[in-house]
Amino acid sequence: MTTADYGIDPDTARAAAMFLTRIRQKYPVSDALLFGSRVRGDFRPDSDADIAVLLRGEPERLLPTKLAMADIAFDVLLETEVLIDPLPVWEAQWQHPDSYSNPYLLENIAREGMWL
């Protein structure tokens, strides 16, 4: 199947692939999910692409990790014109959403997200 089979446009697929390639060079990524309007297909040209990045290891501080991933996402934006909004989630949090600051967000991502 192609990304079009999932309702994902080629620009989003290209930006997500580029972002994940770069993130994997810096972080212990176990998996990733695209979620939000880019999966549902109701995005606008200026909509961001939400990506939950699942990380191995012990949970670290969210904000510094998110900001470092956002730096990489900005570089991808300059090359693709698609803004990636990364959400780092450690595997332990994914497996036990109640341990996450917003368990409902993780449940929503699990329901509507597309594995990349």
PDB file of N, CA and C in Angstrom:
ATOM      1  N   MET A   1       0.830  -1.177   0.000  1.00  0.00           N
ATOM      2  CA  MET A   1       0.000   0.000   0.000  1.00  0.00           C
ATOM      3  C   MET A   1       0.881   1.250   0.000  1.00  0.00           C
ATOM      4  N   THR A   2       0.376   2.285  -0.596  1.00  0.00           N
ATOM      5  CA  THR A   2       1.092   3.551  -0.608  1.00  0.00           C
ATOM      6  C   THR A   2       0.525   4.455   0.476  1.00  0.00           C
ATOM      7  N   THR A   3       1.217   5.571   0.716  1.00  0.00           N
ATOM      8  CA  THR A   3       0.707   6.517   1.700  1.00  0.00           C
ATOM      9  C   THR A   3      -0.653   7.053   1.290  1.00  0.00           C
ATOM     10  N   ALA A   4      -0.931   7.130   0.005  1.00  0.00           N
ATOM     11  CA  ALA A   4      -2.239   7.606  -0.456  1.00  0.00           C
ATOM     12  C   ALA A   4      -3.354   6.664  -0.013  1.00  0.00           C
ATOM     13  N   ASP A   5      -3.044   5.372   0.133  1.00  0.00           N
ATOM     14  CA  ASP A   5      -4.041   4.414   0.596  1.00  0.00           C
ATOM     15  C   ASP A   5      -4.513   4.733   2.013  1.00  0.00           C
ATOM     16  N   TYR A   6      -3.677   5.414   2.762  1.00  0.00           N
ATOM     17  CA  TYR A   6      -4.020   5.777   4.132  1.00  0.00           C
ATOM     18  C   TYR A   6      -4.523   7.209   4.232  1.00  0.00           C
ATOM     19  N   GLY A   7      -4.645   7.921   3.125  1.00  0.00           N
ATOM     20  CA  GLY A   7      -5.078   9.301   3.148  1.00  0.00           C
ATOM     21  C   GLY A   7      -3.964  10.266   3.481  1.00  0.00           C
ATOM     22  N   ILE A   8      -2.725   9.817   3.423  1.00  0.00           N
ATOM     23  CA  ILE A   8      -1.584  10.676   3.752  1.00  0.00           C
ATOM     24  C   ILE A   8      -1.023  11.224   2.451  1.00  0.00           C
ATOM     25  N   ASP A   9      -0.903  12.521   2.414  1.00  0.00           N
ATOM     26  CA  ASP A   9      -0.391  13.128   1.191  1.00  0.00           C
ATOM     27  C   ASP A   9       1.120  12.918   1.077  1.00  0.00           C
ATOM     28  N   PRO A  10       1.651  12.967  -0.134  1.00  0.00           N
ATOM     29  CA  PRO A  10       3.081  12.709  -0.352  1.00  0.00           C
ATOM     30  C   PRO A  10       3.996  13.683   0.389  1.00  0.00           C
ATOM     31  N   ASP A  11       3.595  14.950   0.538  1.00  0.00           N
ATOM     32  CA  ASP A  11       4.440  15.917   1.250  1.00  0.00           C
ATOM     33  C   ASP A  11       4.585  15.539   2.719  1.00  0.00           C
ATOM     34  N   THR A  12       3.502  15.117   3.325  1.00  0.00           N
ATOM     35  CA  THR A  12       3.550  14.687   4.725  1.00  0.00           C
ATOM     36  C   THR A  12       4.408  13.442   4.868  1.00  0.00           C
ATOM     37  N   ALA A  13       4.232  12.492   3.975  1.00  0.00           N
ATOM     38  CA  ALA A  13       5.015  11.253   4.027  1.00  0.00           C
ATOM     39  C   ALA A  13       6.505  11.546   3.896  1.00  0.00           C
ATOM     40  N   ARG A  14       6.852  12.432   2.991  1.00  0.00           N
ATOM     41  CA  ARG A  14       8.266  12.796   2.777  1.00  0.00           C
ATOM     42  C   ARG A  14       8.829  13.496   4.005  1.00  0.00           C
ATOM     43  N   ALA A  15       8.099  14.455   4.554  1.00  0.00           N
ATOM     44  CA  ALA A  15       8.569  15.191   5.731  1.00  0.00           C
ATOM     45  C   ALA A  15       8.707  14.259   6.933  1.00  0.00           C
ATOM     46  N   ALA A  16       7.735  13.373   7.133  1.00  0.00           N
ATOM     47  CA  ALA A  16       7.789  12.440   8.264  1.00  0.00           C
ATOM     48  C   ALA A  16       8.989  11.510   8.139  1.00  0.00           C
ATOM     49  N   ALA A  17       9.230  11.004   6.949  1.00  0.00           N
ATOM     50  CA  ALA A  17      10.369  10.109   6.733  1.00  0.00           C
ATOM     51  C   ALA A  17      11.689  10.835   6.993  1.00  0.00           C
ATOM     52  N   MET A  18      11.800  12.056   6.509  1.00  0.00           N
ATOM     53  CA  MET A  18      13.009  12.849   6.697  1.00  0.00           C
ATOM     54  C   MET A  18      13.228  13.131   8.191  1.00  0.00           C
ATOM     55  N   PHE A  19      12.162  13.523   8.873  1.00  0.00           N
ATOM     56  CA  PHE A  19      12.243  13.809  10.301  1.00  0.00           C
ATOM     57  C   PHE A  19      12.681  12.569  11.079  1.00  0.00           C
ATOM     58  N   LEU A  20      12.048  11.438  10.816  1.00  0.00           N
ATOM     59  CA  LEU A  20      12.369  10.220  11.568  1.00  0.00           C
ATOM     60  C   LEU A  20      13.786   9.732  11.292  1.00  0.00           C
ATOM     61  N   THR A  21      14.256   9.888  10.084  1.00  0.00           N
ATOM     62  CA  THR A  21      15.637   9.512   9.775  1.00  0.00           C
ATOM     63  C   THR A  21      16.598  10.310  10.649  1.00  0.00           C
ATOM     64  N   ARG A  22      16.349  11.585  10.769  1.00  0.00           N
ATOM     65  CA  ARG A  22      17.227  12.446  11.572  1.00  0.00           C
ATOM     66  C   ARG A  22      17.067  12.204  13.065  1.00  0.00           C
ATOM     67  N   ILE A  23      15.847  11.984  13.520  1.00  0.00           N
ATOM     68  CA  ILE A  23      15.601  11.732  14.940  1.00  0.00           C
ATOM     69  C   ILE A  23      16.264  10.431  15.375  1.00  0.00           C
ATOM     70  N   ARG A  24      16.211   9.423  14.514  1.00  0.00           N
ATOM     71  CA  ARG A  24      16.800   8.118  14.864  1.00  0.00           C
ATOM     72  C   ARG A  24      18.316   8.197  15.027  1.00  0.00           C
ATOM     73  N   GLN A  25      18.941   9.200  14.438  1.00  0.00           N
ATOM     74  CA  GLN A  25      20.387   9.377  14.602  1.00  0.00           C
ATOM     75  C   GLN A  25      20.742   9.931  15.978  1.00  0.00           C
ATOM     76  N   LYS A  26      19.766  10.510  16.659  1.00  0.00           N
ATOM     77  CA  LYS A  26      20.027  11.183  17.936  1.00  0.00           C
ATOM     78  C   LYS A  26      19.343  10.519  19.132  1.00  0.00           C
ATOM     79  N   TYR A  27      18.239   9.811  18.891  1.00  0.00           N
ATOM     80  CA  TYR A  27      17.435   9.246  19.973  1.00  0.00           C
ATOM     81  C   TYR A  27      17.182   7.758  19.756  1.00  0.00           C
ATOM     82  N   PRO A  28      16.943   7.017  20.871  1.00  0.00           N
ATOM     83  CA  PRO A  28      16.637   5.584  20.759  1.00  0.00           C
ATOM     84  C   PRO A  28      15.152   5.365  20.415  1.00  0.00           C
ATOM     85  N   VAL A  29      14.804   5.614  19.182  1.00  0.00           N
ATOM     86  CA  VAL A  29      13.414   5.526  18.723  1.00  0.00           C
ATOM     87  C   VAL A  29      13.019   4.061  18.548  1.00  0.00           C
ATOM     88  N   SER A  30      11.902   3.687  19.165  1.00  0.00           N
ATOM     89  CA  SER A  30      11.395   2.331  18.958  1.00  0.00           C
ATOM     90  C   SER A  30      10.296   2.316  17.902  1.00  0.00           C
ATOM     91  N   ASP A  31       9.544   3.419  17.794  1.00  0.00           N
ATOM     92  CA  ASP A  31       8.470   3.494  16.799  1.00  0.00           C
ATOM     93  C   ASP A  31       7.958   4.919  16.739  1.00  0.00           C
ATOM     94  N   ALA A  32       7.029   5.169  15.829  1.00  0.00           N
ATOM     95  CA  ALA A  32       6.443   6.502  15.703  1.00  0.00           C
ATOM     96  C   ALA A  32       5.065   6.385  15.084  1.00  0.00           C
ATOM     97  N   LEU A  33       4.209   7.325  15.453  1.00  0.00           N
ATOM     98  CA  LEU A  33       2.853   7.378  14.915  1.00  0.00           C
ATOM     99  C   LEU A  33       2.547   8.793  14.450  1.00  0.00           C
ATOM    100  N   LEU A  34       1.949   8.877  13.284  1.00  0.00           N
ATOM    101  CA  LEU A  34       1.400  10.129  12.793  1.00  0.00           C
ATOM    102  C   LEU A  34      -0.037  10.185  13.274  1.00  0.00           C
ATOM    103  N   PHE A  35      -0.446  11.342  13.805  1.00  0.00           N
ATOM    104  CA  PHE A  35      -1.831  11.462  14.279  1.00  0.00           C
ATOM    105  C   PHE A  35      -2.348  12.862  13.974  1.00  0.00           C
ATOM    106  N   GLY A  36      -3.616  13.063  14.200  1.00  0.00           N
ATOM    107  CA  GLY A  36      -4.210  14.375  13.992  1.00  0.00           C
ATOM    108  C   GLY A  36      -4.751  14.560  12.584  1.00  0.00           C
ATOM    109  N   SER A  37      -4.845  15.816  12.176  1.00  0.00           N
ATOM    110  CA  SER A  37      -5.509  16.150  10.919  1.00  0.00           C
ATOM    111  C   SER A  37      -4.831  15.549   9.693  1.00  0.00           C
ATOM    112  N   ARG A  38      -3.519  15.341   9.744  1.00  0.00           N
ATOM    113  CA  ARG A  38      -2.827  14.780   8.573  1.00  0.00           C
ATOM    114  C   ARG A  38      -3.184  13.307   8.365  1.00  0.00           C
ATOM    115  N   VAL A  39      -3.597  12.617   9.411  1.00  0.00           N
ATOM    116  CA  VAL A  39      -4.070  11.231   9.274  1.00  0.00           C
ATOM    117  C   VAL A  39      -5.536  11.221   8.866  1.00  0.00           C
ATOM    118  N   ARG A  40      -6.309  12.090   9.489  1.00  0.00           N
ATOM    119  CA  ARG A  40      -7.751  12.139   9.191  1.00  0.00           C
ATOM    120  C   ARG A  40      -8.014  12.678   7.784  1.00  0.00           C
ATOM    121  N   GLY A  41      -7.065  13.444   7.246  1.00  0.00           N
ATOM    122  CA  GLY A  41      -7.241  14.000   5.905  1.00  0.00           C
ATOM    123  C   GLY A  41      -7.973  15.328   5.890  1.00  0.00           C
ATOM    124  N   ASP A  42      -8.191  15.927   7.069  1.00  0.00           N
ATOM    125  CA  ASP A  42      -8.896  17.207   7.106  1.00  0.00           C
ATOM    126  C   ASP A  42      -7.955  18.382   7.411  1.00  0.00           C
ATOM    127  N   PHE A  43      -6.705  18.240   7.019  1.00  0.00           N
ATOM    128  CA  PHE A  43      -5.715  19.283   7.270  1.00  0.00           C
ATOM    129  C   PHE A  43      -5.786  20.381   6.207  1.00  0.00           C
ATOM    130  N   ARG A  44      -5.246  21.525   6.587  1.00  0.00           N
ATOM    131  CA  ARG A  44      -5.089  22.648   5.659  1.00  0.00           C
ATOM    132  C   ARG A  44      -3.625  22.711   5.253  1.00  0.00           C
ATOM    133  N   PRO A  45      -3.287  23.482   4.235  1.00  0.00           N
ATOM    134  CA  PRO A  45      -1.879  23.564   3.813  1.00  0.00           C
ATOM    135  C   PRO A  45      -0.925  24.010   4.935  1.00  0.00           C
ATOM    136  N   ASP A  46      -1.412  24.812   5.887  1.00  0.00           N
ATOM    137  CA  ASP A  46      -0.552  25.281   6.964  1.00  0.00           C
ATOM    138  C   ASP A  46      -0.658  24.438   8.243  1.00  0.00           C
ATOM    139  N   SER A  47      -1.373  23.319   8.186  1.00  0.00           N
ATOM    140  CA  SER A  47      -1.493  22.444   9.357  1.00  0.00           C
ATOM    141  C   SER A  47      -0.172  21.743   9.634  1.00  0.00           C
ATOM    142  N   ASP A  48       0.104  21.535  10.915  1.00  0.00           N
ATOM    143  CA  ASP A  48       1.310  20.781  11.257  1.00  0.00           C
ATOM    144  C   ASP A  48       1.045  19.284  11.122  1.00  0.00           C
ATOM    145  N   ALA A  49       2.114  18.521  11.183  1.00  0.00           N
ATOM    146  CA  ALA A  49       2.025  17.060  11.149  1.00  0.00           C
ATOM    147  C   ALA A  49       2.448  16.569  12.536  1.00  0.00           C
ATOM    148  N   ASP A  50       1.499  16.046  13.279  1.00  0.00           N
ATOM    149  CA  ASP A  50       1.751  15.579  14.637  1.00  0.00           C
ATOM    150  C   ASP A  50       2.355  14.182  14.595  1.00  0.00           C
ATOM    151  N   ILE A  51       3.513  14.033  15.231  1.00  0.00           N
ATOM    152  CA  ILE A  51       4.170  12.723  15.274  1.00  0.00           C
ATOM    153  C   ILE A  51       4.536  12.392  16.708  1.00  0.00           C
ATOM    154  N   ALA A  52       3.974  11.297  17.215  1.00  0.00           N
ATOM    155  CA  ALA A  52       4.370  10.760  18.515  1.00  0.00           C
ATOM    156  C   ALA A  52       5.591   9.877  18.280  1.00  0.00           C
ATOM    157  N   VAL A  53       6.684  10.205  18.959  1.00  0.00           N
ATOM    158  CA  VAL A  53       7.943   9.469  18.813  1.00  0.00           C
ATOM    159  C   VAL A  53       8.119   8.618  20.062  1.00  0.00           C
ATOM    160  N   LEU A  54       8.043   7.303  19.914  1.00  0.00           N
ATOM    161  CA  LEU A  54       8.191   6.393  21.046  1.00  0.00           C
ATOM    162  C   LEU A  54       9.672   6.102  21.261  1.00  0.00           C
ATOM    163  N   LEU A  55      10.112   6.304  22.497  1.00  0.00           N
ATOM    164  CA  LEU A  55      11.525   6.198  22.845  1.00  0.00           C
ATOM    165  C   LEU A  55      11.768   5.070  23.837  1.00  0.00           C
ATOM    166  N   ARG A  56      12.857   4.344  23.620  1.00  0.00           N
ATOM    167  CA  ARG A  56      13.278   3.306  24.557  1.00  0.00           C
ATOM    168  C   ARG A  56      13.989   3.964  25.740  1.00  0.00           C
ATOM    169  N   GLY A  57      14.059   3.239  26.841  1.00  0.00           N
ATOM    170  CA  GLY A  57      14.818   3.712  27.996  1.00  0.00           C
ATOM    171  C   GLY A  57      13.946   4.388  29.038  1.00  0.00           C
ATOM    172  N   GLU A  58      14.626   4.896  30.034  1.00  0.00           N
ATOM    173  CA  GLU A  58      13.947   5.567  31.133  1.00  0.00           C
ATOM    174  C   GLU A  58      13.434   6.929  30.680  1.00  0.00           C
ATOM    175  N   PRO A  59      12.219   7.286  31.081  1.00  0.00           N
ATOM    176  CA  PRO A  59      11.693   8.607  30.718  1.00  0.00           C
ATOM    177  C   PRO A  59      12.610   9.729  31.215  1.00  0.00           C
ATOM    178  N   GLU A  60      12.797  10.696  30.350  1.00  0.00           N
ATOM    179  CA  GLU A  60      13.578  11.878  30.674  1.00  0.00           C
ATOM    180  C   GLU A  60      12.635  13.069  30.744  1.00  0.00           C
ATOM    181  N   ARG A  61      13.182  14.224  30.964  1.00  0.00           N
ATOM    182  CA  ARG A  61      12.360  15.427  31.033  1.00  0.00           C
ATOM    183  C   ARG A  61      11.780  15.707  29.642  1.00  0.00           C
ATOM    184  N   LEU A  62      10.489  15.950  29.607  1.00  0.00           N
ATOM    185  CA  LEU A  62       9.774  16.123  28.345  1.00  0.00           C
ATOM    186  C   LEU A  62      10.201  17.383  27.594  1.00  0.00           C
ATOM    187  N   LEU A  63      10.220  18.516  28.258  1.00  0.00           N
ATOM    188  CA  LEU A  63      10.444  19.779  27.566  1.00  0.00           C
ATOM    189  C   LEU A  63      11.788  19.850  26.844  1.00  0.00           C
ATOM    190  N   PRO A  64      12.915  19.517  27.484  1.00  0.00           N
ATOM    191  CA  PRO A  64      14.177  19.577  26.740  1.00  0.00           C
ATOM    192  C   PRO A  64      14.209  18.627  25.530  1.00  0.00           C
ATOM    193  N   THR A  65      13.605  17.461  25.690  1.00  0.00           N
ATOM    194  CA  THR A  65      13.572  16.505  24.572  1.00  0.00           C
ATOM    195  C   THR A  65      12.693  17.033  23.449  1.00  0.00           C
ATOM    196  N   LYS A  66      11.527  17.560  23.791  1.00  0.00           N
ATOM    197  CA  LYS A  66      10.612  18.112  22.785  1.00  0.00           C
ATOM    198  C   LYS A  66      11.258  19.281  22.048  1.00  0.00           C
ATOM    199  N   LEU A  67      11.943  20.156  22.769  1.00  0.00           N
ATOM    200  CA  LEU A  67      12.585  21.308  22.129  1.00  0.00           C
ATOM    201  C   LEU A  67      13.717  20.880  21.194  1.00  0.00           C
ATOM    202  N   ALA A  68      14.493  19.894  21.605  1.00  0.00           N
ATOM    203  CA  ALA A  68      15.566  19.402  20.737  1.00  0.00           C
ATOM    204  C   ALA A  68      14.982  18.759  19.475  1.00  0.00           C
ATOM    205  N   MET A  69      13.889  18.026  19.629  1.00  0.00           N
ATOM    206  CA  MET A  69      13.229  17.434  18.457  1.00  0.00           C
ATOM    207  C   MET A  69      12.624  18.524  17.578  1.00  0.00           C
ATOM    208  N   ALA A  70      12.133  19.592  18.193  1.00  0.00           N
ATOM    209  CA  ALA A  70      11.557  20.702  17.428  1.00  0.00           C
ATOM    210  C   ALA A  70      12.626  21.399  16.580  1.00  0.00           C
ATOM    211  N   ASP A  71      13.863  21.438  17.063  1.00  0.00           N
ATOM    212  CA  ASP A  71      14.958  22.000  16.260  1.00  0.00           C
ATOM    213  C   ASP A  71      15.140  21.198  14.974  1.00  0.00           C
ATOM    214  N   ILE A  72      15.095  19.885  15.104  1.00  0.00           N
ATOM    215  CA  ILE A  72      15.221  19.016  13.927  1.00  0.00           C
ATOM    216  C   ILE A  72      14.011  19.205  13.017  1.00  0.00           C
ATOM    217  N   ALA A  73      12.830  19.315  13.628  1.00  0.00           N
ATOM    218  CA  ALA A  73      11.604  19.524  12.848  1.00  0.00           C
ATOM    219  C   ALA A  73      11.667  20.836  12.064  1.00  0.00           C
ATOM    220  N   PHE A  74      12.287  21.858  12.649  1.00  0.00           N
ATOM    221  CA  PHE A  74      12.410  23.138  11.950  1.00  0.00           C
ATOM    222  C   PHE A  74      13.267  22.994  10.694  1.00  0.00           C
ATOM    223  N   ASP A  75      14.355  22.244  10.801  1.00  0.00           N
ATOM    224  CA  ASP A  75      15.196  21.999   9.620  1.00  0.00           C
ATOM    225  C   ASP A  75      14.405  21.284   8.525  1.00  0.00           C
ATOM    226  N   VAL A  76      13.568  20.329   8.931  1.00  0.00           N
ATOM    227  CA  VAL A  76      12.725  19.606   7.975  1.00  0.00           C
ATOM    228  C   VAL A  76      11.710  20.561   7.344  1.00  0.00           C
ATOM    229  N   LEU A  77      11.155  21.465   8.149  1.00  0.00           N
ATOM    230  CA  LEU A  77      10.218  22.470   7.630  1.00  0.00           C
ATOM    231  C   LEU A  77      10.866  23.299   6.515  1.00  0.00           C
ATOM    232  N   LEU A  78      12.099  23.710   6.730  1.00  0.00           N
ATOM    233  CA  LEU A  78      12.785  24.532   5.729  1.00  0.00           C
ATOM    234  C   LEU A  78      12.970  23.787   4.404  1.00  0.00           C
ATOM    235  N   GLU A  79      13.089  22.476   4.485  1.00  0.00           N
ATOM    236  CA  GLU A  79      13.305  21.675   3.277  1.00  0.00           C
ATOM    237  C   GLU A  79      12.014  21.190   2.627  1.00  0.00           C
ATOM    238  N   THR A  80      10.953  21.033   3.433  1.00  0.00           N
ATOM    239  CA  THR A  80       9.732  20.399   2.907  1.00  0.00           C
ATOM    240  C   THR A  80       8.493  21.278   2.959  1.00  0.00           C
ATOM    241  N   GLU A  81       8.556  22.358   3.730  1.00  0.00           N
ATOM    242  CA  GLU A  81       7.411  23.235   3.969  1.00  0.00           C
ATOM    243  C   GLU A  81       6.293  22.550   4.748  1.00  0.00           C
ATOM    244  N   VAL A  82       6.630  21.473   5.456  1.00  0.00           N
ATOM    245  CA  VAL A  82       5.689  20.791   6.344  1.00  0.00           C
ATOM    246  C   VAL A  82       6.263  20.874   7.754  1.00  0.00           C
ATOM    247  N   LEU A  83       5.483  21.457   8.670  1.00  0.00           N
ATOM    248  CA  LEU A  83       5.924  21.571  10.053  1.00  0.00           C
ATOM    249  C   LEU A  83       5.562  20.309  10.814  1.00  0.00           C
ATOM    250  N   ILE A  84       6.573  19.652  11.344  1.00  0.00           N
ATOM    251  CA  ILE A  84       6.381  18.481  12.195  1.00  0.00           C
ATOM    252  C   ILE A  84       6.255  18.975  13.638  1.00  0.00           C
ATOM    253  N   ASP A  85       5.248  18.486  14.346  1.00  0.00           N
ATOM    254  CA  ASP A  85       5.107  18.777  15.776  1.00  0.00           C
ATOM    255  C   ASP A  85       5.378  17.479  16.526  1.00  0.00           C
ATOM    256  N   PRO A  86       6.616  17.308  17.014  1.00  0.00           N
ATOM    257  CA  PRO A  86       6.976  16.052  17.667  1.00  0.00           C
ATOM    258  C   PRO A  86       6.453  15.962  19.090  1.00  0.00           C
ATOM    259  N   LEU A  87       6.054  14.762  19.466  1.00  0.00           N
ATOM    260  CA  LEU A  87       5.632  14.483  20.833  1.00  0.00           C
ATOM    261  C   LEU A  87       6.438  13.281  21.328  1.00  0.00           C
ATOM    262  N   PRO A  88       7.491  13.516  22.111  1.00  0.00           N
ATOM    263  CA  PRO A  88       8.250  12.384  22.644  1.00  0.00           C
ATOM    264  C   PRO A  88       7.451  11.664  23.724  1.00  0.00           C
ATOM    265  N   VAL A  89       7.401  10.343  23.609  1.00  0.00           N
ATOM    266  CA  VAL A  89       6.704   9.495  24.589  1.00  0.00           C
ATOM    267  C   VAL A  89       7.598   8.289  24.821  1.00  0.00           C
ATOM    268  N   TRP A  90       7.918   8.028  26.072  1.00  0.00           N
ATOM    269  CA  TRP A  90       8.737   6.859  26.367  1.00  0.00           C
ATOM    270  C   TRP A  90       7.866   5.615  26.410  1.00  0.00           C
ATOM    271  N   GLU A  91       8.467   4.489  26.046  1.00  0.00           N
ATOM    272  CA  GLU A  91       7.709   3.236  25.952  1.00  0.00           C
ATOM    273  C   GLU A  91       6.916   2.929  27.221  1.00  0.00           C
ATOM    274  N   ALA A  92       7.511   3.166  28.387  1.00  0.00           N
ATOM    275  CA  ALA A  92       6.819   2.889  29.647  1.00  0.00           C
ATOM    276  C   ALA A  92       5.544   3.731  29.755  1.00  0.00           C
ATOM    277  N   GLN A  93       5.599   4.965  29.303  1.00  0.00           N
ATOM    278  CA  GLN A  93       4.417   5.827  29.319  1.00  0.00           C
ATOM    279  C   GLN A  93       3.375   5.334  28.324  1.00  0.00           C
ATOM    280  N   TRP A  94       3.837   4.891  27.157  1.00  0.00           N
ATOM    281  CA  TRP A  94       2.925   4.387  26.134  1.00  0.00           C
ATOM    282  C   TRP A  94       2.203   3.138  26.633  1.00  0.00           C
ATOM    283  N   GLN A  95       2.948   2.270  27.302  1.00  0.00           N
ATOM    284  CA  GLN A  95       2.362   1.026  27.809  1.00  0.00           C
ATOM    285  C   GLN A  95       1.466   1.260  29.026  1.00  0.00           C
ATOM    286  N   HIS A  96       1.697   2.366  29.738  1.00  0.00           N
ATOM    287  CA  HIS A  96       0.908   2.710  30.932  1.00  0.00           C
ATOM    288  C   HIS A  96       0.499   4.176  30.827  1.00  0.00           C
ATOM    289  N   PRO A  97      -0.511   4.472  29.998  1.00  0.00           N
ATOM    290  CA  PRO A  97      -0.896   5.867  29.753  1.00  0.00           C
ATOM    291  C   PRO A  97      -1.223   6.667  31.011  1.00  0.00           C
ATOM    292  N   ASP A  98      -1.667   5.993  32.063  1.00  0.00           N
ATOM    293  CA  ASP A  98      -1.996   6.723  33.293  1.00  0.00           C
ATOM    294  C   ASP A  98      -0.765   7.375  33.926  1.00  0.00           C
ATOM    295  N   SER A  99       0.425   6.917  33.544  1.00  0.00           N
ATOM    296  CA  SER A  99       1.651   7.512  34.075  1.00  0.00           C
ATOM    297  C   SER A  99       2.047   8.765  33.298  1.00  0.00           C
ATOM    298  N   TYR A 100       1.369   9.029  32.198  1.00  0.00           N
ATOM    299  CA  TYR A 100       1.665  10.187  31.357  1.00  0.00           C
ATOM    300  C   TYR A 100       0.848  11.383  31.830  1.00  0.00           C
ATOM    301  N   SER A 101       1.352  12.581  31.600  1.00  0.00           N
ATOM    302  CA  SER A 101       0.657  13.786  32.077  1.00  0.00           C
ATOM    303  C   SER A 101      -0.725  13.963  31.452  1.00  0.00           C
ATOM    304  N   ASN A 102      -0.925  13.424  30.247  1.00  0.00           N
ATOM    305  CA  ASN A 102      -2.230  13.513  29.584  1.00  0.00           C
ATOM    306  C   ASN A 102      -2.583  12.140  28.996  1.00  0.00           C
ATOM    307  N   PRO A 103      -3.108  11.238  29.828  1.00  0.00           N
ATOM    308  CA  PRO A 103      -3.405   9.887  29.341  1.00  0.00           C
ATOM    309  C   PRO A 103      -4.424   9.866  28.207  1.00  0.00           C
ATOM    310  N   TYR A 104      -5.330  10.835  28.190  1.00  0.00           N
ATOM    311  CA  TYR A 104      -6.346  10.864  27.132  1.00  0.00           C
ATOM    312  C   TYR A 104      -5.723  11.141  25.768  1.00  0.00           C
ATOM    313  N   LEU A 105      -4.667  11.937  25.759  1.00  0.00           N
ATOM    314  CA  LEU A 105      -3.964  12.198  24.503  1.00  0.00           C
ATOM    315  C   LEU A 105      -3.361  10.909  23.960  1.00  0.00           C
ATOM    316  N   LEU A 106      -2.704  10.140  24.818  1.00  0.00           N
ATOM    317  CA  LEU A 106      -2.105   8.878  24.363  1.00  0.00           C
ATOM    318  C   LEU A 106      -3.165   7.900  23.878  1.00  0.00           C
ATOM    319  N   GLU A 107      -4.304   7.865  24.569  1.00  0.00           N
ATOM    320  CA  GLU A 107      -5.385   6.976  24.132  1.00  0.00           C
ATOM    321  C   GLU A 107      -5.915   7.396  22.765  1.00  0.00           C
ATOM    322  N   ASN A 108      -6.011   8.704  22.536  1.00  0.00           N
ATOM    323  CA  ASN A 108      -6.456   9.214  21.239  1.00  0.00           C
ATOM    324  C   ASN A 108      -5.449   8.873  20.139  1.00  0.00           C
ATOM    325  N   ILE A 109      -4.172   9.032  20.444  1.00  0.00           N
ATOM    326  CA  ILE A 109      -3.131   8.697  19.463  1.00  0.00           C
ATOM    327  C   ILE A 109      -3.191   7.213  19.127  1.00  0.00           C
ATOM    328  N   ALA A 110      -3.379   6.371  20.145  1.00  0.00           N
ATOM    329  CA  ALA A 110      -3.466   4.928  19.908  1.00  0.00           C
ATOM    330  C   ALA A 110      -4.659   4.582  19.028  1.00  0.00           C
ATOM    331  N   ARG A 111      -5.749   5.316  19.198  1.00  0.00           N
ATOM    332  CA  ARG A 111      -6.980   5.063  18.437  1.00  0.00           C
ATOM    333  C   ARG A 111      -6.860   5.538  16.992  1.00  0.00           C
ATOM    334  N   GLU A 112      -6.397   6.769  16.796  1.00  0.00           N
ATOM    335  CA  GLU A 112      -6.442   7.358  15.457  1.00  0.00           C
ATOM    336  C   GLU A 112      -5.095   7.392  14.740  1.00  0.00           C
ATOM    337  N   GLY A 113      -4.024   7.118  15.453  1.00  0.00           N
ATOM    338  CA  GLY A 113      -2.697   7.253  14.856  1.00  0.00           C
ATOM    339  C   GLY A 113      -2.376   6.185  13.823  1.00  0.00           C
ATOM    340  N   MET A 114      -1.449   6.532  12.959  1.00  0.00           N
ATOM    341  CA  MET A 114      -0.963   5.606  11.938  1.00  0.00           C
ATOM    342  C   MET A 114       0.520   5.340  12.197  1.00  0.00           C
ATOM    343  N   TRP A 115       0.868   4.063  12.343  1.00  0.00           N
ATOM    344  CA  TRP A 115       2.268   3.697  12.577  1.00  0.00           C
ATOM    345  C   TRP A 115       3.090   4.072  11.354  1.00  0.00           C
ATOM    346  N   LEU A 116       4.226   4.669  11.609  1.00  0.00           N
ATOM    347  CA  LEU A 116       5.118   5.070  10.509  1.00  0.00           C
ATOM    348  C   LEU A 116       6.257   4.072  10.362  1.00  0.00           C
TER     349      LEU A 116
END
